[in-house]
C-alpha atoms as a PDB file:
ATOM      1  CA  MET A   1      79.159   4.928  18.034  1.00  0.00           C
ATOM      2  CA  LYS A   2      77.084   2.663  16.187  1.00  0.00           C
ATOM      3  CA  ILE A   3      75.433   1.698  19.274  1.00  0.00           C
ATOM      4  CA  ALA A   4      74.713   5.327  20.251  1.00  0.00           C
ATOM      5  CA  LEU A   5      73.334   5.936  16.477  1.00  0.00           C
ATOM      6  CA  TRP A   6      70.795   2.774  17.046  1.00  0.00           C
ATOM      7  CA  SER A   7      69.831   4.045  20.517  1.00  0.00           C
ATOM      8  CA  ILE A   8      68.498   7.187  18.690  1.00  0.00           C
ATOM      9  CA  LEU A   9      66.514   5.272  15.960  1.00  0.00           C
ATOM     10  CA  PRO A  10      63.732   4.269  17.734  1.00  0.00           C
ATOM     11  CA  ASN A  11      62.921   7.818  18.698  1.00  0.00           C
ATOM     12  CA  GLN A  12      63.302   8.811  15.458  1.00  0.00           C
ATOM     13  CA  LYS A  13      61.212   5.953  14.050  1.00  0.00           C
ATOM     14  CA  SER A  14      58.475   6.416  16.750  1.00  0.00           C
ATOM     15  CA  LEU A  15      58.228  10.320  15.907  1.00  0.00           C
ATOM     16  CA  ILE A  16      58.263   9.380  11.942  1.00  0.00           C
ATOM     17  CA  PHE A  17      55.575   6.817  12.609  1.00  0.00           C
ATOM     18  CA  TYR A  18      53.175   9.489  14.621  1.00  0.00           C
ATOM     19  CA  ILE A  19      53.682  11.755  12.030  1.00  0.00           C
ATOM     20  CA  ILE A  20      52.675   9.757   8.984  1.00  0.00           C
ATOM     21  CA  ILE A  21      49.447   8.272  11.439  1.00  0.00           C
ATOM     22  CA  GLY A  22      48.602  12.410  12.061  1.00  0.00           C
ATOM     23  CA  MET A  23      48.307  13.181   8.489  1.00  0.00           C
ATOM     24  CA  LEU A  24      46.818   9.994   7.712  1.00  0.00           C
ATOM     25  CA  LEU A  25      44.222  11.071  10.211  1.00  0.00           C
ATOM     26  CA  ALA A  26      44.159  14.099   8.728  1.00  0.00           C
ATOM     27  CA  SER A  27      43.329  13.354   5.310  1.00  0.00           C
ATOM     28  CA  SER A  28      40.472  10.950   6.675  1.00  0.00           C
ATOM     29  CA  CYS A  29      38.448  13.679   8.041  1.00  0.00           C
ATOM     30  CA  VAL A  30      35.238  14.704   6.324  1.00  0.00           C
ATOM     31  CA  PRO A  31      34.757  18.957   6.656  1.00  0.00           C
ATOM     32  CA  ASN A  32      31.464  20.566   7.207  1.00  0.00           C
ATOM     33  CA  ARG A  33      31.803  21.845   4.080  1.00  0.00           C
ATOM     34  CA  LYS A  34      32.064  18.782   1.965  1.00  0.00           C
ATOM     35  CA  ILE A  35      28.589  17.733   3.894  1.00  0.00           C
ATOM     36  CA  VAL A  36      26.114  20.401   4.709  1.00  0.00           C
ATOM     37  CA  TYR A  37      23.487  20.957   1.360  1.00  0.00           C
ATOM     38  CA  LEU A  38      22.925  23.855  -0.469  1.00  0.00           C
ATOM     39  CA  GLN A  39      25.758  26.565   0.909  1.00  0.00           C
ATOM     40  CA  SER A  40      26.155  30.045  -0.367  1.00  0.00           C
ATOM     41  CA  ASP A  41      29.293  32.048   0.519  1.00  0.00           C
ATOM     42  CA  ASP A  42      29.862  31.663   3.933  1.00  0.00           C
ATOM     43  CA  ASP A  43      26.961  30.282   5.605  1.00  0.00           C
ATOM     44  CA  LEU A  44      29.660  27.899   7.705  1.00  0.00           C
ATOM     45  CA  THR A  45      31.730  30.980   9.260  1.00  0.00           C
ATOM     46  CA  LYS A  46      28.908  33.538  10.236  1.00  0.00           C
ATOM     47  CA  GLN A  47      25.920  34.398  12.225  1.00  0.00           C
ATOM     48  CA  ASN A  48      23.245  34.618   9.377  1.00  0.00           C
ATOM     49  CA  PRO A  49      19.818  37.236  10.563  1.00  0.00           C
ATOM     50  CA  THR A  50      16.820  35.515  11.569  1.00  0.00           C
ATOM     51  CA  ASP A  51      13.287  36.654  10.755  1.00  0.00           C
ATOM     52  CA  VAL A  52      14.260  37.879   7.041  1.00  0.00           C
ATOM     53  CA  VAL A  53      14.410  36.755   3.622  1.00  0.00           C
ATOM     54  CA  VAL A  54      18.247  36.715   3.334  1.00  0.00           C
ATOM     55  CA  ARG A  55      18.095  35.381  -0.441  1.00  0.00           C
ATOM     56  CA  SER A  56      15.879  34.401  -2.806  1.00  0.00           C
ATOM     57  CA  TYR A  57      15.775  32.207  -6.086  1.00  0.00           C
ATOM     58  CA  ASP A  58      12.975  31.736  -9.192  1.00  0.00           C
ATOM     59  CA  ALA A  59      12.523  28.216  -9.047  1.00  0.00           C
ATOM     60  CA  LYS A  60      12.460  26.248 -12.293  1.00  0.00           C
ATOM     61  CA  LYS A  61       8.792  25.045 -12.454  1.00  0.00           C
ATOM     62  CA  PHE A  62       8.524  21.770 -13.644  1.00  0.00           C
ATOM     63  CA  ASP A  63       4.748  20.171 -14.552  1.00  0.00           C
ATOM     64  CA  TYR A  64       4.856  16.723 -15.905  1.00  0.00           C
ATOM     65  CA  GLU A  65       3.440  16.162 -19.588  1.00  0.00           C
ATOM     66  CA  LEU A  66       2.128  13.069 -19.808  1.00  0.00           C
ATOM     67  CA  LYS A  67       3.332  10.603 -22.444  1.00  0.00           C
ATOM     68  CA  PRO A  68       1.933   7.223 -24.523  1.00  0.00           C
ATOM     69  CA  ASN A  69       2.392   4.200 -21.822  1.00  0.00           C
ATOM     70  CA  ASP A  70       2.048   6.206 -18.874  1.00  0.00           C
ATOM     71  CA  ILE A  71       0.124   4.420 -16.031  1.00  0.00           C
ATOM     72  CA  ILE A  72      -2.224   6.669 -14.053  1.00  0.00           C
ATOM     73  CA  SER A  73      -4.356   6.505 -11.125  1.00  0.00           C
ATOM     74  CA  LEU A  74      -8.208   7.775 -12.171  1.00  0.00           C
ATOM     75  CA  ARG A  75     -10.622   8.696  -9.716  1.00  0.00           C
ATOM     76  CA  VAL A  76     -13.696  10.115  -9.801  1.00  0.00           C
ATOM     77  CA  ALA A  77     -16.242  11.817  -7.143  1.00  0.00           C
ATOM     78  CA  SER A  78     -18.945  13.582  -7.329  1.00  0.00           C
ATOM     79  CA  ILE A  79     -22.884  13.536  -5.246  1.00  0.00           C
ATOM     80  CA  THR A  80     -23.741  11.112  -8.341  1.00  0.00           C
ATOM     81  CA  PRO A  81     -24.909   7.625  -6.390  1.00  0.00           C
ATOM     82  CA  GLU A  82     -22.079   5.208  -6.251  1.00  0.00           C
ATOM     83  CA  GLU A  83     -23.758   2.552  -8.620  1.00  0.00           C
ATOM     84  CA  TYR A  84     -23.601   5.110 -11.705  1.00  0.00           C
ATOM     85  CA  ASN A  85     -19.812   5.284 -10.799  1.00  0.00           C
ATOM     86  CA  PHE A  86     -19.104   3.868 -14.158  1.00  0.00           C
ATOM     87  CA  ILE A  87     -15.272   4.704 -13.934  1.00  0.00           C
ATOM     88  CA  LYS A  88     -14.970   3.079 -10.940  1.00  0.00           C
ATOM     89  CA  LYS A  89     -16.899  -0.221 -12.007  1.00  0.00           C
ATOM     90  CA  TYR A  90     -14.473  -0.353 -15.027  1.00  0.00           C
ATOM     91  CA  GLU A  91     -10.610   0.302 -13.338  1.00  0.00           C
ATOM     92  CA  GLU A  92     -12.001  -2.576 -11.109  1.00  0.00           C
ATOM     93  CA  GLN A  93     -13.152  -4.852 -13.561  1.00  0.00           C
ATOM     94  CA  LEU A  94      -9.738  -4.011 -15.441  1.00  0.00           C
ATOM     95  CA  GLY A  95      -7.383  -6.262 -13.053  1.00  0.00           C
ATOM     96  CA  GLN A  96      -3.804  -6.512 -12.424  1.00  0.00           C
ATOM     97  CA  ILE A  97      -2.614  -3.823 -15.576  1.00  0.00           C
ATOM     98  CA  ARG A  98       0.851  -3.668 -13.987  1.00  0.00           C
ATOM     99  CA  LYS A  99       3.221  -6.093 -13.061  1.00  0.00           C
ATOM    100  CA  LEU A 100       4.904  -6.214 -10.091  1.00  0.00           C
ATOM    101  CA  ASN A 101       8.361  -7.773 -10.974  1.00  0.00           C
ATOM    102  CA  GLN A 102      10.570  -4.811 -10.920  1.00  0.00           C
ATOM    103  CA  TYR A 103       9.583  -4.346  -7.100  1.00  0.00           C
ATOM    104  CA  GLN A 104       9.877  -8.186  -6.500  1.00  0.00           C
ATOM    105  CA  GLN A 105      13.098  -9.043  -8.336  1.00  0.00           C
ATOM    106  CA  ASN A 106      15.479  -8.798  -5.216  1.00  0.00           C
ATOM    107  CA  SER A 107      13.234 -11.216  -2.761  1.00  0.00           C
ATOM    108  CA  MET A 108      13.338 -13.989  -5.624  1.00  0.00           C
ATOM    109  CA  GLY A 109      15.511 -17.084  -3.974  1.00  0.00           C
ATOM    110  CA  GLY A 110      16.229 -14.688  -1.280  1.00  0.00           C
ATOM    111  CA  GLY A 111      13.160 -15.405   1.367  1.00  0.00           C
ATOM    112  CA  GLN A 112      11.021 -12.976   2.330  1.00  0.00           C
ATOM    113  CA  ASN A 113      12.907 -10.065   3.687  1.00  0.00           C
ATOM    114  CA  ASN A 114      11.521  -7.119   1.857  1.00  0.00           C
ATOM    115  CA  ARG A 115       9.116  -4.923   2.257  1.00  0.00           C
ATOM    116  CA  PHE A 116       7.768  -1.978   0.735  1.00  0.00           C
ATOM    117  CA  MET A 117       7.115   1.147   2.849  1.00  0.00           C
ATOM    118  CA  GLN A 118       5.143   4.488   1.910  1.00  0.00           C
ATOM    119  CA  GLN A 119       6.648   7.791   3.180  1.00  0.00           C
ATOM    120  CA  GLY A 120       4.779  10.674   2.245  1.00  0.00           C
ATOM    121  CA  GLY A 121       3.442  10.064  -1.586  1.00  0.00           C
ATOM    122  CA  PHE A 122       6.292   8.069  -2.239  1.00  0.00           C
ATOM    123  CA  MET A 123       6.947   4.166  -2.190  1.00  0.00           C
ATOM    124  CA  GLN A 124      10.314   2.594  -1.648  1.00  0.00           C
ATOM    125  CA  GLN A 125      11.969  -1.064  -0.699  1.00  0.00           C
ATOM    126  CA  ARG A 126      13.996  -1.726   2.008  1.00  0.00           C
ATOM    127  CA  GLY A 127      15.149  -4.545   3.467  1.00  0.00           C
ATOM    128  CA  GLY A 128      13.719  -5.498   6.808  1.00  0.00           C
ATOM    129  CA  GLU A 129      11.521  -8.572   8.698  1.00  0.00           C
ATOM    130  CA  GLY A 130       8.564  -9.395   7.691  1.00  0.00           C
ATOM    131  CA  GLY A 131       7.113  -9.553   3.821  1.00  0.00           C
ATOM    132  CA  GLY A 132       3.795  -8.375   1.931  1.00  0.00           C
ATOM    133  CA  ILE A 133       2.412  -5.154   1.267  1.00  0.00           C
ATOM    134  CA  SER A 134      -0.395  -3.398   2.692  1.00  0.00           C
ATOM    135  CA  SER A 135      -3.760  -3.315   0.529  1.00  0.00           C
ATOM    136  CA  LEU A 136      -3.750   0.318  -0.124  1.00  0.00           C
ATOM    137  CA  MET A 137      -0.316   0.176  -1.865  1.00  0.00           C
ATOM    138  CA  LEU A 138      -1.312  -2.622  -3.472  1.00  0.00           C
ATOM    139  CA  ASP A 139      -4.197  -0.760  -4.891  1.00  0.00           C
ATOM    140  CA  GLN A 140      -2.101   2.086  -5.808  1.00  0.00           C
ATOM    141  CA  MET A 141       0.506  -0.096  -7.624  1.00  0.00           C
ATOM    142  CA  GLN A 142      -2.017  -2.068  -9.455  1.00  0.00           C
ATOM    143  CA  SER A 143      -5.014  -0.561 -10.380  1.00  0.00           C
ATOM    144  CA  GLY A 144      -5.203   2.461 -12.883  1.00  0.00           C
ATOM    145  CA  PHE A 145      -5.636   3.127 -16.642  1.00  0.00           C
ATOM    146  CA  GLU A 146      -2.261   2.776 -19.543  1.00  0.00           C
ATOM    147  CA  LEU A 147      -2.035   5.332 -22.406  1.00  0.00           C
ATOM    148  CA  ASP A 148      -1.732   3.826 -25.227  1.00  0.00           C
ATOM    149  CA  GLY A 149       0.861   4.187 -27.703  1.00  0.00           C
ATOM    150  CA  GLN A 150      -0.782   7.576 -29.122  1.00  0.00           C
ATOM    151  CA  GLY A 151      -1.323   8.819 -25.484  1.00  0.00           C
ATOM    152  CA  GLN A 152      -4.857   8.495 -25.330  1.00  0.00           C
ATOM    153  CA  LEU A 153      -7.271   6.794 -23.296  1.00  0.00           C
ATOM    154  CA  GLU A 154     -10.452   4.507 -23.777  1.00  0.00           C
ATOM    155  CA  LEU A 155     -13.176   5.599 -20.952  1.00  0.00           C
ATOM    156  CA  PRO A 156     -16.541   3.339 -21.260  1.00  0.00           C
ATOM    157  CA  GLU A 157     -19.235   5.775 -21.947  1.00  0.00           C
ATOM    158  CA  ILE A 158     -17.291   8.822 -22.979  1.00  0.00           C
ATOM    159  CA  GLY A 159     -14.821   7.462 -25.694  1.00  0.00           C
ATOM    160  CA  VAL A 160     -11.607   8.031 -26.435  1.00  0.00           C
ATOM    161  CA  VAL A 161      -9.402  10.864 -24.432  1.00  0.00           C
ATOM    162  CA  THR A 162      -6.260  11.666 -25.847  1.00  0.00           C
ATOM    163  CA  LEU A 163      -4.332  12.876 -22.510  1.00  0.00           C
ATOM    164  CA  SER A 164      -0.800  12.942 -24.054  1.00  0.00           C
ATOM    165  CA  GLY A 165       1.387  16.144 -23.733  1.00  0.00           C
ATOM    166  CA  LEU A 166      -1.098  17.481 -21.136  1.00  0.00           C
ATOM    167  CA  THR A 167      -0.161  18.393 -17.413  1.00  0.00           C
ATOM    168  CA  LEU A 168      -1.633  15.988 -14.665  1.00  0.00           C
ATOM    169  CA  GLU A 169      -3.737  19.564 -13.884  1.00  0.00           C
ATOM    170  CA  GLN A 170      -5.040  19.619 -17.960  1.00  0.00           C
ATOM    171  CA  ALA A 171      -5.859  16.332 -17.842  1.00  0.00           C
ATOM    172  CA  GLU A 172      -8.461  16.063 -15.241  1.00  0.00           C
ATOM    173  CA  ASP A 173      -9.905  19.224 -16.125  1.00  0.00           C
ATOM    174  CA  SER A 174     -10.223  17.802 -19.652  1.00  0.00           C
ATOM    175  CA  ILE A 175     -11.739  14.477 -18.260  1.00  0.00           C
ATOM    176  CA  ARG A 176     -13.755  16.974 -15.809  1.00  0.00           C
ATOM    177  CA  ARG A 177     -15.455  18.683 -18.724  1.00  0.00           C
ATOM    178  CA  LYS A 178     -16.069  15.089 -20.406  1.00  0.00           C
ATOM    179  CA  LEU A 179     -17.863  13.654 -17.899  1.00  0.00           C
ATOM    180  CA  LYS A 180     -20.183  16.859 -16.966  1.00  0.00           C
ATOM    181  CA  GLY A 181     -23.353  15.357 -18.972  1.00  0.00           C
ATOM    182  CA  TYR A 182     -22.900  11.980 -16.374  1.00  0.00           C
ATOM    183  CA  PHE A 183     -22.049  13.217 -13.264  1.00  0.00           C
ATOM    184  CA  GLU A 184     -23.377  16.117 -11.122  1.00  0.00           C
ATOM    185  CA  THR A 185     -20.985  18.259  -9.891  1.00  0.00           C
ATOM    186  CA  PRO A 186     -17.111  15.630 -10.906  1.00  0.00           C
ATOM    187  CA  MET A 187     -14.521  15.843  -9.312  1.00  0.00           C
ATOM    188  CA  VAL A 188     -11.648  14.317 -10.683  1.00  0.00           C
ATOM    189  CA  ARG A 189      -7.758  13.162  -9.555  1.00  0.00           C
ATOM    190  CA  ILE A 190      -5.150  11.845 -11.684  1.00  0.00           C
ATOM    191  CA  GLN A 191      -1.826  10.693 -10.162  1.00  0.00           C
ATOM    192  CA  LEU A 192       1.104   9.028 -12.344  1.00  0.00           C
ATOM    193  CA  LEU A 193       1.998   5.632 -11.118  1.00  0.00           C
ATOM    194  CA  ASN A 194       5.279   4.831 -13.239  1.00  0.00           C
ATOM    195  CA  PHE A 195       7.518   7.478 -12.056  1.00  0.00           C
ATOM    196  CA  HIS A 196      10.350   5.025 -11.069  1.00  0.00           C
ATOM    197  CA  PHE A 197      13.942   5.967 -10.816  1.00  0.00           C
ATOM    198  CA  THR A 198      17.177   4.466  -9.453  1.00  0.00           C
ATOM    199  CA  ILE A 199      19.688   5.572  -6.979  1.00  0.00           C
ATOM    200  CA  ILE A 200      23.187   4.255  -6.269  1.00  0.00           C
ATOM    201  CA  GLY A 201      26.385   5.221  -4.738  1.00  0.00           C
ATOM    202  CA  GLU A 202      27.046   6.643  -1.107  1.00  0.00           C
ATOM    203  CA  VAL A 203      23.281   6.265   0.118  1.00  0.00           C
ATOM    204  CA  GLU A 204      22.155   4.293   3.071  1.00  0.00           C
ATOM    205  CA  ALA A 205      19.698   2.380   0.593  1.00  0.00           C
ATOM    206  CA  GLU A 206      20.330   1.541  -2.838  1.00  0.00           C
ATOM    207  CA  GLY A 207      17.603   0.760  -5.382  1.00  0.00           C
ATOM    208  CA  ARG A 208      15.022   1.506  -7.625  1.00  0.00           C
ATOM    209  CA  TYR A 209      11.956   3.630  -5.937  1.00  0.00           C
ATOM    210  CA  THR A 210       8.592   5.117  -7.376  1.00  0.00           C
ATOM    211  CA  ALA A 211       7.327   8.512  -6.294  1.00  0.00           C
ATOM    212  CA  PHE A 212       3.819   9.487  -6.913  1.00  0.00           C
ATOM    213  CA  ASP A 213       4.645  13.107  -7.023  1.00  0.00           C
ATOM    214  CA  PRO A 214       5.664  14.263  -9.908  1.00  0.00           C
ATOM    215  CA  ASN A 215       7.458  17.626  -8.562  1.00  0.00           C
ATOM    216  CA  PHE A 216      10.272  15.265  -7.448  1.00  0.00           C
ATOM    217  CA  ASN A 217      13.633  16.709  -6.334  1.00  0.00           C
ATOM    218  CA  VAL A 218      17.390  15.778  -5.923  1.00  0.00           C
ATOM    219  CA  PHE A 219      16.646  15.965  -2.155  1.00  0.00           C
ATOM    220  CA  ASP A 220      13.081  14.037  -2.591  1.00  0.00           C
ATOM    221  CA  ALA A 221      15.320  11.039  -3.625  1.00  0.00           C
ATOM    222  CA  PHE A 222      18.173  11.157  -1.472  1.00  0.00           C
ATOM    223  CA  MET A 223      15.886  11.069   2.009  1.00  0.00           C
ATOM    224  CA  LEU A 224      13.825   8.168   0.276  1.00  0.00           C
ATOM    225  CA  ALA A 225      17.119   6.261   0.173  1.00  0.00           C
ATOM    226  CA  GLY A 226      17.797   7.285   3.013  1.00  0.00           C
ATOM    227  CA  ASN A 227      19.874  10.228   2.914  1.00  0.00           C
ATOM    228  CA  LEU A 228      23.506  10.208   1.583  1.00  0.00           C
ATOM    229  CA  THR A 229      26.273   8.151   3.937  1.00  0.00           C
ATOM    230  CA  GLU A 230      29.280  10.798   5.234  1.00  0.00           C
ATOM    231  CA  PHE A 231      31.728   9.887   2.647  1.00  0.00           C
ATOM    232  CA  ALA A 232      28.989  10.769  -0.371  1.00  0.00           C
ATOM    233  CA  ASP A 233      30.535  13.634  -2.630  1.00  0.00           C
ATOM    234  CA  ARG A 234      27.659  16.056  -2.374  1.00  0.00           C
ATOM    235  CA  SER A 235      29.611  18.331  -5.118  1.00  0.00           C
ATOM    236  CA  ASN A 236      29.448  15.659  -7.894  1.00  0.00           C
ATOM    237  CA  ILE A 237      25.765  13.888  -7.953  1.00  0.00           C
ATOM    238  CA  LYS A 238      25.410  12.002 -11.551  1.00  0.00           C
ATOM    239  CA  VAL A 239      21.957  12.205 -13.152  1.00  0.00           C
ATOM    240  CA  ILE A 240      21.944  10.157 -16.230  1.00  0.00           C
ATOM    241  CA  ARG A 241      18.583  10.840 -18.322  1.00  0.00           C
ATOM    242  CA  SER A 242      17.374   9.186 -21.215  1.00  0.00           C
ATOM    243  CA  ASN A 243      15.835  11.452 -23.285  1.00  0.00           C
ATOM    244  CA  GLY A 244      14.330  10.041 -26.969  1.00  0.00           C
ATOM    245  CA  GLU A 245      17.256   8.215 -28.332  1.00  0.00           C
ATOM    246  CA  GLN A 246      20.172   9.124 -26.490  1.00  0.00           C
ATOM    247  CA  LYS A 247      20.946   9.073 -22.786  1.00  0.00           C
ATOM    248  CA  GLU A 248      22.246  12.558 -20.741  1.00  0.00           C
ATOM    249  CA  VAL A 249      24.806  13.239 -18.215  1.00  0.00           C
ATOM    250  CA  ILE A 250      24.026  16.213 -16.050  1.00  0.00           C
ATOM    251  CA  TYR A 251      26.198  16.139 -12.701  1.00  0.00           C
ATOM    252  CA  LEU A 252      24.647  18.332  -9.816  1.00  0.00           C
ATOM    253  CA  ASN A 253      26.356  20.316  -6.695  1.00  0.00           C
ATOM    254  CA  THR A 254      24.256  20.023  -3.993  1.00  0.00           C
ATOM    255  CA  LEU A 255      26.541  21.784  -1.819  1.00  0.00           C
ATOM    256  CA  GLU A 256      25.702  24.969  -3.511  1.00  0.00           C
ATOM    257  CA  GLU A 257      22.559  26.641  -2.547  1.00  0.00           C
ATOM    258  CA  ASP A 258      22.169  28.289  -6.579  1.00  0.00           C
ATOM    259  CA  LEU A 259      21.074  24.603  -6.484  1.00  0.00           C
ATOM    260  CA  LEU A 260      17.505  25.696  -6.192  1.00  0.00           C
ATOM    261  CA  ALA A 261      17.210  27.419  -9.113  1.00  0.00           C
ATOM    262  CA  ALA A 262      19.006  24.602 -11.748  1.00  0.00           C
ATOM    263  CA  ASP A 263      17.222  23.625 -14.441  1.00  0.00           C
ATOM    264  CA  TYR A 264      17.805  20.011 -13.334  1.00  0.00           C
ATOM    265  CA  PHE A 265      16.867  20.306  -9.734  1.00  0.00           C
ATOM    266  CA  TYR A 266      13.625  18.171 -10.589  1.00  0.00           C
ATOM    267  CA  LEU A 267      13.911  14.449 -11.629  1.00  0.00           C
ATOM    268  CA  ARG A 268      11.997  13.024 -14.401  1.00  0.00           C
ATOM    269  CA  PRO A 269      10.885   9.563 -14.806  1.00  0.00           C
ATOM    270  CA  GLY A 270      13.546   6.803 -15.318  1.00  0.00           C
ATOM    271  CA  ASP A 271      16.337   8.911 -13.929  1.00  0.00           C
ATOM    272  CA  LEU A 272      19.431   7.223 -12.391  1.00  0.00           C
ATOM    273  CA  ILE A 273      21.155   9.266  -9.915  1.00  0.00           C
ATOM    274  CA  VAL A 274      25.186   8.090  -8.963  1.00  0.00           C
ATOM    275  CA  VAL A 275      26.754   9.161  -5.887  1.00  0.00           C
ATOM    276  CA  PRO A 276      29.947   8.865  -5.989  1.00  0.00           C
ATOM    277  CA  PRO A 277      32.296   8.582  -2.773  1.00  0.00           C
ATOM    278  CA  LEU A 278      35.043  11.253  -1.478  1.00  0.00           C
ATOM    279  CA  PRO A 279      38.477  10.450  -1.807  1.00  0.00           C
ATOM    280  CA  VAL A 280      38.351  10.006   1.988  1.00  0.00           C
ATOM    281  CA  ARG A 281      36.788   6.691   1.529  1.00  0.00           C
ATOM    282  CA  THR A 282      39.522   5.274   0.190  1.00  0.00           C
ATOM    283  CA  THR A 283      41.487   6.277   2.960  1.00  0.00           C
ATOM    284  CA  ARG A 284      40.022   5.642   5.693  1.00  0.00           C
ATOM    285  CA  ASN A 285      38.849   2.242   4.658  1.00  0.00           C
ATOM    286  CA  TYR A 286      41.518   0.934   3.145  1.00  0.00           C
ATOM    287  CA  THR A 287      44.441   3.269   3.092  1.00  0.00           C
ATOM    288  CA  LEU A 288      44.548   3.720   6.904  1.00  0.00           C
ATOM    289  CA  PRO A 289      44.422   0.116   8.043  1.00  0.00           C
ATOM    290  CA  SER A 290      47.087  -0.758   5.276  1.00  0.00           C
ATOM    291  CA  THR A 291      49.433   1.781   5.887  1.00  0.00           C
ATOM    292  CA  SER A 292      49.090   1.206   9.967  1.00  0.00           C
ATOM    293  CA  THR A 293      50.293  -2.647   8.978  1.00  0.00           C
ATOM    294  CA  ILE A 294      52.791  -1.795   6.962  1.00  0.00           C
ATOM    295  CA  ILE A 295      54.347   0.902   9.530  1.00  0.00           C
ATOM    296  CA  SER A 296      54.043  -1.984  12.353  1.00  0.00           C
ATOM    297  CA  ILE A 297      55.766  -4.794  10.150  1.00  0.00           C
ATOM    298  CA  ILE A 298      58.560  -2.364   9.597  1.00  0.00           C
ATOM    299  CA  THR A 299      58.531  -1.184  13.157  1.00  0.00           C
ATOM    300  CA  ALA A 300      58.784  -4.663  14.528  1.00  0.00           C
ATOM    301  CA  ALA A 301      61.832  -5.179  11.816  1.00  0.00           C
ATOM    302  CA  ILE A 302      63.557  -2.502  13.087  1.00  0.00           C
ATOM    303  CA  SER A 303      63.413  -3.092  16.478  1.00  0.00           C
ATOM    304  CA  LEU A 304      64.142  -6.933  16.193  1.00  0.00           C
ATOM    305  CA  TYR A 305      67.379  -5.077  14.011  1.00  0.00           C
ATOM    306  CA  VAL A 306      68.355  -3.130  17.058  1.00  0.00           C
ATOM    307  CA  ILE A 307      68.270  -5.834  19.374  1.00  0.00           C
ATOM    308  CA  LEU A 308      69.930  -8.585  16.891  1.00  0.00           C
ATOM    309  CA  SER A 309      72.858  -5.952  16.513  1.00  0.00           C
ATOM    310  CA  ARG A 310      73.624  -4.874  19.925  1.00  0.00           C
END
């Protein structure tokens, strides 16, 4: 009777083993509803009509307002001869007004395996072969004007200009009006140079990045960091934002389509984005290998016991 019982045990043991493995594999799968951005209702289960507007959202327009100590790029173009462009001459005389330490810190002691890449108006630091920064990008990074503590900018000939509290478009218009007495049909372009944000967690390339477009949203940040990994919890993105003396914590669900109309869809300079992992990441990377090892040890022990018991 004892031998008959143990002769059945290996089959039961195998069945239990396969059941456990099956459960673990099922729990380690990531369904589409966990990884597809901007879903609405049953988007994933039905065929939506084509060539029509299915839904629309009132987007929260965001116009960045300049603040004290912001750094801007100021370019002036006109039909006035270039030798009379005192703005350009003044900018060239400023030299390096931006410290590049924030971008060079990863290369200290580690050689020259960091390089800068510029894509679609954004700048990012990525690992790669070779070092150095293109002259165009270096020009964008280190030339410009820094507003003082009152948000003012002193320009040659035209004096002090208050830009704090103005959008980039308003600041361009303000300087354009002041330059009309010196330039013929002046055109002014202002670009924000200190829009930095940090993204960490389940992304392909964690790091601190710079955006040159103030209308910068959370998906732009994902793309700049190489997109999220398949284990990222897209429904629970944390954004930590400075607001004066306070730190605000906001959670965004990028799986929901109505995020397009959310107040926090657009990022702000200094934002910290934290992308947490799904529980399946722990299951697949740690629990499943550990469980498989444990089951193998138990199986071997039971088999050895059965053999010795005969």
